[in-house]
Amino acid sequence: MRFGHSNDLTDQANIDMTPLVDIVFILLIFFILSASFQKQNQIKIDRPQSQISDSVTSLVLMVSIDKQNIIWMDKEQIKASSLTSKIKQKAKNSNNLSVVIHVDKQVSSGNLIEVIDKIRIAGVNNVAVATQIN
């Protein structure tokens, strides 16, 4: 008995992979382009910069922190523990009090946050940190 190969057999079903590969590449390009790429360490630590200066119409109180972490208000040195009571006294006289903090670039962020917290505890919601305008 002889087995032979016949060309009469029907062609087997083939799956064309080209459209599948095209779809995968299109999805890959879509996800790459839509992904958010973030660079690390873009924030300048030495000196904050600002392009816009706001004009303020309410009463503004200036609080300064020098590089020795000494807090100054109205040209007098005050302790962090008495900052809240001093700001409350100023807030009694004005119903729209704003506080601008001038801070040296060498002051740690923890000390700055502590001062901001004490000002907010005193009831002032409008607190800003002064920056250098380019």
N, C-alpha and C. Protein backbone atom coordinates (compact mmCIF):
# COMPACT_ATOMS: atom_id res chain seq x y z
N MET A 1 0.81 -1.15 0.00
CA MET A 1 0.00 0.00 0.00
C MET A 1 0.87 1.23 0.00
N ARG A 2 0.43 2.13 -0.73
CA ARG A 2 1.22 3.32 -0.94
C ARG A 2 0.45 4.55 -0.49
N PHE A 3 1.13 5.33 0.32
CA PHE A 3 0.50 6.57 0.77
C PHE A 3 1.11 7.71 -0.02
N GLY A 4 0.31 8.48 -0.56
CA GLY A 4 0.80 9.59 -1.34
C GLY A 4 0.22 10.90 -0.85
N HIS A 5 0.90 11.91 -1.21
CA HIS A 5 0.46 13.23 -0.83
C HIS A 5 -0.34 13.82 -1.97
N SER A 6 -1.48 14.29 -1.62
CA SER A 6 -2.35 14.83 -2.64
C SER A 6 -2.47 16.33 -2.47
N ASN A 7 -2.48 17.04 -3.55
CA ASN A 7 -2.67 18.50 -3.53
C ASN A 7 -4.14 18.88 -3.48
N ASP A 8 -4.98 17.92 -3.47
CA ASP A 8 -6.41 18.18 -3.49
C ASP A 8 -6.96 18.54 -2.10
N LEU A 9 -6.15 18.36 -1.08
CA LEU A 9 -6.64 18.64 0.27
C LEU A 9 -6.93 20.14 0.41
N THR A 10 -7.92 20.42 1.21
CA THR A 10 -8.26 21.83 1.42
C THR A 10 -7.18 22.49 2.27
N ASP A 11 -6.98 23.76 2.02
CA ASP A 11 -5.97 24.50 2.78
C ASP A 11 -6.41 24.63 4.23
N GLN A 12 -5.45 24.49 5.11
CA GLN A 12 -5.77 24.65 6.52
C GLN A 12 -5.97 26.14 6.81
N ALA A 13 -6.80 26.42 7.81
CA ALA A 13 -7.08 27.80 8.18
C ALA A 13 -5.85 28.41 8.84
N ASN A 14 -5.41 29.54 8.35
CA ASN A 14 -4.27 30.25 8.90
C ASN A 14 -4.74 31.54 9.55
N ILE A 15 -4.10 31.90 10.64
CA ILE A 15 -4.40 33.16 11.31
C ILE A 15 -3.33 34.15 10.90
N ASP A 16 -3.77 35.26 10.35
CA ASP A 16 -2.83 36.30 9.93
C ASP A 16 -2.50 37.15 11.15
N MET A 17 -1.25 37.15 11.56
CA MET A 17 -0.82 37.86 12.76
C MET A 17 -0.50 39.34 12.52
N THR A 18 -0.46 39.78 11.30
CA THR A 18 -0.09 41.15 11.00
C THR A 18 -1.03 42.17 11.64
N PRO A 19 -2.35 42.04 11.54
CA PRO A 19 -3.22 43.03 12.20
C PRO A 19 -3.08 43.01 13.72
N LEU A 20 -2.84 41.84 14.30
CA LEU A 20 -2.68 41.76 15.74
C LEU A 20 -1.41 42.50 16.18
N VAL A 21 -0.33 42.33 15.46
CA VAL A 21 0.92 43.02 15.78
C VAL A 21 0.74 44.53 15.60
N ASP A 22 0.02 44.95 14.56
CA ASP A 22 -0.24 46.37 14.34
C ASP A 22 -1.03 46.97 15.51
N ILE A 23 -2.03 46.26 15.98
CA ILE A 23 -2.84 46.75 17.09
C ILE A 23 -2.00 46.86 18.37
N VAL A 24 -1.16 45.87 18.60
CA VAL A 24 -0.30 45.91 19.79
C VAL A 24 0.64 47.09 19.72
N PHE A 25 1.23 47.37 18.58
CA PHE A 25 2.13 48.52 18.45
C PHE A 25 1.37 49.84 18.61
N ILE A 26 0.18 49.93 18.09
CA ILE A 26 -0.62 51.15 18.25
C ILE A 26 -0.95 51.37 19.72
N LEU A 27 -1.34 50.30 20.43
CA LEU A 27 -1.62 50.43 21.85
C LEU A 27 -0.37 50.83 22.64
N LEU A 28 0.75 50.26 22.27
CA LEU A 28 2.00 50.60 22.94
C LEU A 28 2.34 52.07 22.74
N ILE A 29 2.20 52.57 21.53
CA ILE A 29 2.46 53.99 21.25
C ILE A 29 1.48 54.87 22.02
N PHE A 30 0.21 54.47 22.08
CA PHE A 30 -0.79 55.24 22.81
C PHE A 30 -0.43 55.35 24.29
N PHE A 31 -0.06 54.24 24.92
CA PHE A 31 0.26 54.28 26.34
C PHE A 31 1.57 55.02 26.62
N ILE A 32 2.51 54.96 25.72
CA ILE A 32 3.75 55.71 25.92
C ILE A 32 3.49 57.21 25.83
N LEU A 33 2.68 57.62 24.86
CA LEU A 33 2.40 59.04 24.69
C LEU A 33 1.48 59.60 25.76
N SER A 34 0.59 58.78 26.27
CA SER A 34 -0.34 59.27 27.28
C SER A 34 0.19 59.16 28.69
N ALA A 35 1.30 58.48 28.89
CA ALA A 35 1.87 58.34 30.22
C ALA A 35 2.45 59.67 30.68
N SER A 36 2.39 59.90 31.95
CA SER A 36 2.92 61.12 32.53
C SER A 36 4.34 60.88 32.99
N PHE A 37 5.28 61.58 32.38
CA PHE A 37 6.68 61.43 32.76
C PHE A 37 7.03 62.58 33.68
N GLN A 38 7.58 62.26 34.84
CA GLN A 38 7.96 63.28 35.80
C GLN A 38 9.45 63.21 36.04
N LYS A 39 10.06 64.38 36.03
CA LYS A 39 11.48 64.45 36.36
C LYS A 39 11.61 64.65 37.86
N GLN A 40 12.59 64.03 38.42
CA GLN A 40 12.84 64.18 39.85
C GLN A 40 13.68 65.43 40.10
N ASN A 41 13.48 66.02 41.25
CA ASN A 41 14.27 67.15 41.72
C ASN A 41 14.18 68.38 40.81
N GLN A 42 12.98 68.71 40.38
CA GLN A 42 12.81 69.92 39.59
C GLN A 42 12.63 71.16 40.46
N ILE A 43 12.34 70.97 41.72
CA ILE A 43 12.11 72.10 42.60
C ILE A 43 13.44 72.69 43.02
N LYS A 44 13.58 73.99 42.85
CA LYS A 44 14.81 74.66 43.27
C LYS A 44 14.76 74.87 44.77
N ILE A 45 15.75 74.38 45.42
CA ILE A 45 15.79 74.46 46.87
C ILE A 45 16.38 75.79 47.34
N ASP A 46 17.34 76.34 46.60
CA ASP A 46 18.06 77.52 47.06
C ASP A 46 17.18 78.75 47.22
N ARG A 47 16.40 79.09 46.21
CA ARG A 47 15.59 80.29 46.29
C ARG A 47 14.31 80.10 45.49
N PRO A 48 13.18 80.31 46.13
CA PRO A 48 11.93 80.19 45.38
C PRO A 48 11.79 81.32 44.36
N GLN A 49 11.25 81.01 43.21
CA GLN A 49 11.07 81.98 42.13
C GLN A 49 9.58 82.20 41.88
N SER A 50 9.24 83.38 41.43
CA SER A 50 7.86 83.69 41.09
C SER A 50 7.85 84.69 39.95
N GLN A 51 6.90 84.53 39.05
CA GLN A 51 6.76 85.45 37.93
C GLN A 51 5.68 86.50 38.18
N ILE A 52 4.81 86.23 39.13
CA ILE A 52 3.65 87.09 39.36
C ILE A 52 3.69 87.61 40.79
N SER A 53 3.42 88.87 40.95
CA SER A 53 3.26 89.42 42.30
C SER A 53 1.81 89.87 42.43
N ASP A 54 1.18 89.45 43.51
CA ASP A 54 -0.21 89.81 43.75
C ASP A 54 -0.30 91.11 44.54
N SER A 55 -1.25 91.92 44.18
CA SER A 55 -1.51 93.11 44.99
C SER A 55 -2.55 92.75 46.04
N VAL A 56 -2.31 93.16 47.25
CA VAL A 56 -3.17 92.80 48.36
C VAL A 56 -3.85 94.06 48.87
N THR A 57 -5.17 94.00 49.06
CA THR A 57 -5.92 95.16 49.52
C THR A 57 -6.24 95.10 51.00
N SER A 58 -6.06 93.96 51.64
CA SER A 58 -6.37 93.84 53.06
C SER A 58 -5.14 94.18 53.89
N LEU A 59 -5.30 94.13 55.21
CA LEU A 59 -4.20 94.38 56.12
C LEU A 59 -3.22 93.22 56.04
N VAL A 60 -1.95 93.55 55.84
CA VAL A 60 -0.93 92.52 55.68
C VAL A 60 0.04 92.62 56.85
N LEU A 61 0.28 91.47 57.45
CA LEU A 61 1.22 91.37 58.54
C LEU A 61 2.45 90.62 58.05
N MET A 62 3.62 91.16 58.28
CA MET A 62 4.86 90.54 57.83
C MET A 62 5.49 89.76 58.98
N VAL A 63 5.80 88.50 58.71
CA VAL A 63 6.51 87.65 59.66
C VAL A 63 7.77 87.18 58.94
N SER A 64 8.92 87.28 59.61
CA SER A 64 10.19 86.90 58.99
C SER A 64 10.86 85.81 59.82
N ILE A 65 11.55 84.92 59.13
CA ILE A 65 12.35 83.89 59.79
C ILE A 65 13.74 83.99 59.18
N ASP A 66 14.74 84.32 60.03
CA ASP A 66 16.09 84.45 59.50
C ASP A 66 16.81 83.10 59.52
N LYS A 67 18.05 83.09 59.06
CA LYS A 67 18.75 81.82 58.92
C LYS A 67 19.13 81.19 60.25
N GLN A 68 19.03 81.93 61.36
CA GLN A 68 19.23 81.34 62.68
C GLN A 68 17.92 80.84 63.28
N ASN A 69 16.86 80.78 62.46
CA ASN A 69 15.51 80.33 62.86
C ASN A 69 14.89 81.24 63.91
N ILE A 70 15.25 82.52 63.89
CA ILE A 70 14.64 83.51 64.78
C ILE A 70 13.44 84.11 64.06
N ILE A 71 12.32 84.18 64.76
CA ILE A 71 11.08 84.70 64.18
C ILE A 71 10.95 86.18 64.54
N TRP A 72 10.66 86.99 63.52
CA TRP A 72 10.52 88.43 63.70
C TRP A 72 9.13 88.84 63.25
N MET A 73 8.50 89.74 64.03
CA MET A 73 7.22 90.32 63.63
C MET A 73 7.19 91.76 64.11
N ASP A 74 6.86 92.67 63.25
CA ASP A 74 6.88 94.11 63.55
C ASP A 74 8.23 94.56 64.08
N LYS A 75 9.29 94.08 63.46
CA LYS A 75 10.68 94.43 63.78
C LYS A 75 11.08 94.07 65.21
N GLU A 76 10.39 93.11 65.80
CA GLU A 76 10.79 92.63 67.11
C GLU A 76 10.84 91.10 67.09
N GLN A 77 11.79 90.60 67.83
CA GLN A 77 11.99 89.16 67.89
C GLN A 77 10.93 88.55 68.82
N ILE A 78 10.29 87.47 68.34
CA ILE A 78 9.30 86.79 69.17
C ILE A 78 9.59 85.29 69.17
N LYS A 79 9.09 84.64 70.19
CA LYS A 79 9.23 83.19 70.28
C LYS A 79 8.10 82.51 69.52
N ALA A 80 8.36 81.29 69.06
CA ALA A 80 7.34 80.55 68.31
C ALA A 80 6.12 80.27 69.17
N SER A 81 6.32 80.09 70.47
CA SER A 81 5.20 79.79 71.36
C SER A 81 4.25 80.98 71.52
N SER A 82 4.75 82.21 71.41
CA SER A 82 3.90 83.39 71.56
C SER A 82 3.39 83.93 70.23
N LEU A 83 3.74 83.28 69.13
CA LEU A 83 3.34 83.77 67.80
C LEU A 83 1.82 83.74 67.63
N THR A 84 1.18 82.67 68.08
CA THR A 84 -0.27 82.54 67.92
C THR A 84 -1.01 83.66 68.66
N SER A 85 -0.63 83.94 69.89
CA SER A 85 -1.32 84.98 70.66
C SER A 85 -1.09 86.36 70.05
N LYS A 86 0.11 86.64 69.56
CA LYS A 86 0.39 87.95 68.93
C LYS A 86 -0.44 88.13 67.66
N ILE A 87 -0.56 87.05 66.88
CA ILE A 87 -1.35 87.15 65.63
C ILE A 87 -2.83 87.31 65.96
N LYS A 88 -3.31 86.63 67.01
CA LYS A 88 -4.72 86.79 67.42
C LYS A 88 -5.01 88.24 67.81
N GLN A 89 -4.06 88.90 68.48
CA GLN A 89 -4.24 90.30 68.84
C GLN A 89 -4.36 91.17 67.60
N LYS A 90 -3.54 90.91 66.60
CA LYS A 90 -3.60 91.67 65.35
C LYS A 90 -4.88 91.36 64.58
N ALA A 91 -5.34 90.11 64.65
CA ALA A 91 -6.53 89.71 63.90
C ALA A 91 -7.79 90.34 64.49
N LYS A 92 -7.78 90.68 65.79
CA LYS A 92 -8.94 91.33 66.41
C LYS A 92 -9.22 92.68 65.77
N ASN A 93 -8.16 93.39 65.41
CA ASN A 93 -8.31 94.74 64.86
C ASN A 93 -8.70 94.74 63.39
N SER A 94 -8.50 93.64 62.70
CA SER A 94 -8.81 93.58 61.27
C SER A 94 -9.59 92.30 60.98
N ASN A 95 -10.65 92.44 60.19
CA ASN A 95 -11.43 91.25 59.86
C ASN A 95 -10.90 90.53 58.63
N ASN A 96 -9.98 91.15 57.90
CA ASN A 96 -9.41 90.53 56.71
C ASN A 96 -7.89 90.62 56.79
N LEU A 97 -7.29 89.80 57.65
CA LEU A 97 -5.86 89.84 57.88
C LEU A 97 -5.16 88.80 57.00
N SER A 98 -4.09 89.23 56.37
CA SER A 98 -3.23 88.34 55.60
C SER A 98 -1.84 88.37 56.20
N VAL A 99 -1.16 87.23 56.15
CA VAL A 99 0.19 87.15 56.68
C VAL A 99 1.12 86.72 55.56
N VAL A 100 2.20 87.48 55.38
CA VAL A 100 3.24 87.13 54.40
C VAL A 100 4.48 86.76 55.20
N ILE A 101 5.01 85.58 54.90
CA ILE A 101 6.18 85.08 55.61
C ILE A 101 7.40 85.26 54.72
N HIS A 102 8.38 85.99 55.21
CA HIS A 102 9.67 86.13 54.55
C HIS A 102 10.61 85.14 55.23
N VAL A 103 11.06 84.17 54.49
CA VAL A 103 11.87 83.11 55.09
C VAL A 103 13.19 82.99 54.34
N ASP A 104 14.26 82.81 55.09
CA ASP A 104 15.58 82.60 54.50
C ASP A 104 15.62 81.21 53.86
N LYS A 105 16.37 81.09 52.80
CA LYS A 105 16.42 79.82 52.08
C LYS A 105 17.08 78.71 52.88
N GLN A 106 17.83 79.04 53.91
CA GLN A 106 18.49 78.03 54.73
C GLN A 106 17.63 77.50 55.87
N VAL A 107 16.45 78.07 56.06
CA VAL A 107 15.54 77.61 57.11
C VAL A 107 14.93 76.29 56.68
N SER A 108 14.85 75.35 57.60
CA SER A 108 14.29 74.04 57.26
C SER A 108 12.79 74.15 57.03
N SER A 109 12.29 73.24 56.23
CA SER A 109 10.85 73.26 55.92
C SER A 109 10.02 72.96 57.17
N GLY A 110 10.57 72.19 58.08
CA GLY A 110 9.85 71.89 59.32
C GLY A 110 9.58 73.14 60.14
N ASN A 111 10.57 74.03 60.23
CA ASN A 111 10.38 75.29 60.96
C ASN A 111 9.38 76.19 60.26
N LEU A 112 9.43 76.23 58.94
CA LEU A 112 8.46 77.03 58.18
C LEU A 112 7.04 76.50 58.39
N ILE A 113 6.87 75.18 58.34
CA ILE A 113 5.54 74.58 58.53
C ILE A 113 5.02 74.87 59.94
N GLU A 114 5.91 74.83 60.92
CA GLU A 114 5.51 75.12 62.30
C GLU A 114 4.97 76.55 62.41
N VAL A 115 5.65 77.51 61.78
CA VAL A 115 5.19 78.90 61.81
C VAL A 115 3.86 79.04 61.08
N ILE A 116 3.72 78.40 59.93
CA ILE A 116 2.46 78.47 59.18
C ILE A 116 1.33 77.87 60.01
N ASP A 117 1.58 76.75 60.69
CA ASP A 117 0.55 76.13 61.53
C ASP A 117 0.13 77.06 62.66
N LYS A 118 1.08 77.72 63.30
CA LYS A 118 0.75 78.63 64.41
C LYS A 118 -0.06 79.82 63.91
N ILE A 119 0.23 80.29 62.69
CA ILE A 119 -0.54 81.40 62.12
C ILE A 119 -1.96 80.95 61.81
N ARG A 120 -2.10 79.76 61.27
CA ARG A 120 -3.45 79.25 60.96
C ARG A 120 -4.24 78.95 62.22
N ILE A 121 -3.58 78.50 63.27
CA ILE A 121 -4.27 78.27 64.54
C ILE A 121 -4.81 79.59 65.09
N ALA A 122 -4.11 80.68 64.80
CA ALA A 122 -4.56 82.00 65.25
C ALA A 122 -5.78 82.48 64.49
N GLY A 123 -6.18 81.77 63.46
CA GLY A 123 -7.39 82.12 62.73
C GLY A 123 -7.16 82.82 61.40
N VAL A 124 -5.94 82.90 60.95
CA VAL A 124 -5.63 83.54 59.67
C VAL A 124 -5.58 82.45 58.60
N ASN A 125 -6.43 82.59 57.60
CA ASN A 125 -6.45 81.59 56.51
C ASN A 125 -5.62 81.99 55.32
N ASN A 126 -5.35 83.27 55.18
CA ASN A 126 -4.60 83.76 54.03
C ASN A 126 -3.14 83.92 54.41
N VAL A 127 -2.35 82.86 54.21
CA VAL A 127 -0.94 82.86 54.55
C VAL A 127 -0.15 82.64 53.26
N ALA A 128 0.87 83.47 53.03
CA ALA A 128 1.68 83.34 51.82
C ALA A 128 3.16 83.37 52.20
N VAL A 129 3.96 82.74 51.38
CA VAL A 129 5.41 82.76 51.55
C VAL A 129 5.98 83.64 50.44
N ALA A 130 6.76 84.64 50.83
CA ALA A 130 7.32 85.59 49.87
C ALA A 130 8.41 84.92 49.05
N THR A 131 8.42 85.20 47.77
CA THR A 131 9.44 84.68 46.85
C THR A 131 10.09 85.84 46.13
N GLN A 132 11.18 85.54 45.49
CA GLN A 132 11.90 86.54 44.71
C GLN A 132 11.32 86.56 43.31
N ILE A 133 11.01 87.76 42.80
CA ILE A 133 10.46 87.90 41.45
C ILE A 133 11.62 88.03 40.47
N ASN A 134 11.55 87.26 39.38
CA ASN A 134 12.60 87.34 38.34
C ASN A 134 12.54 88.63 37.60
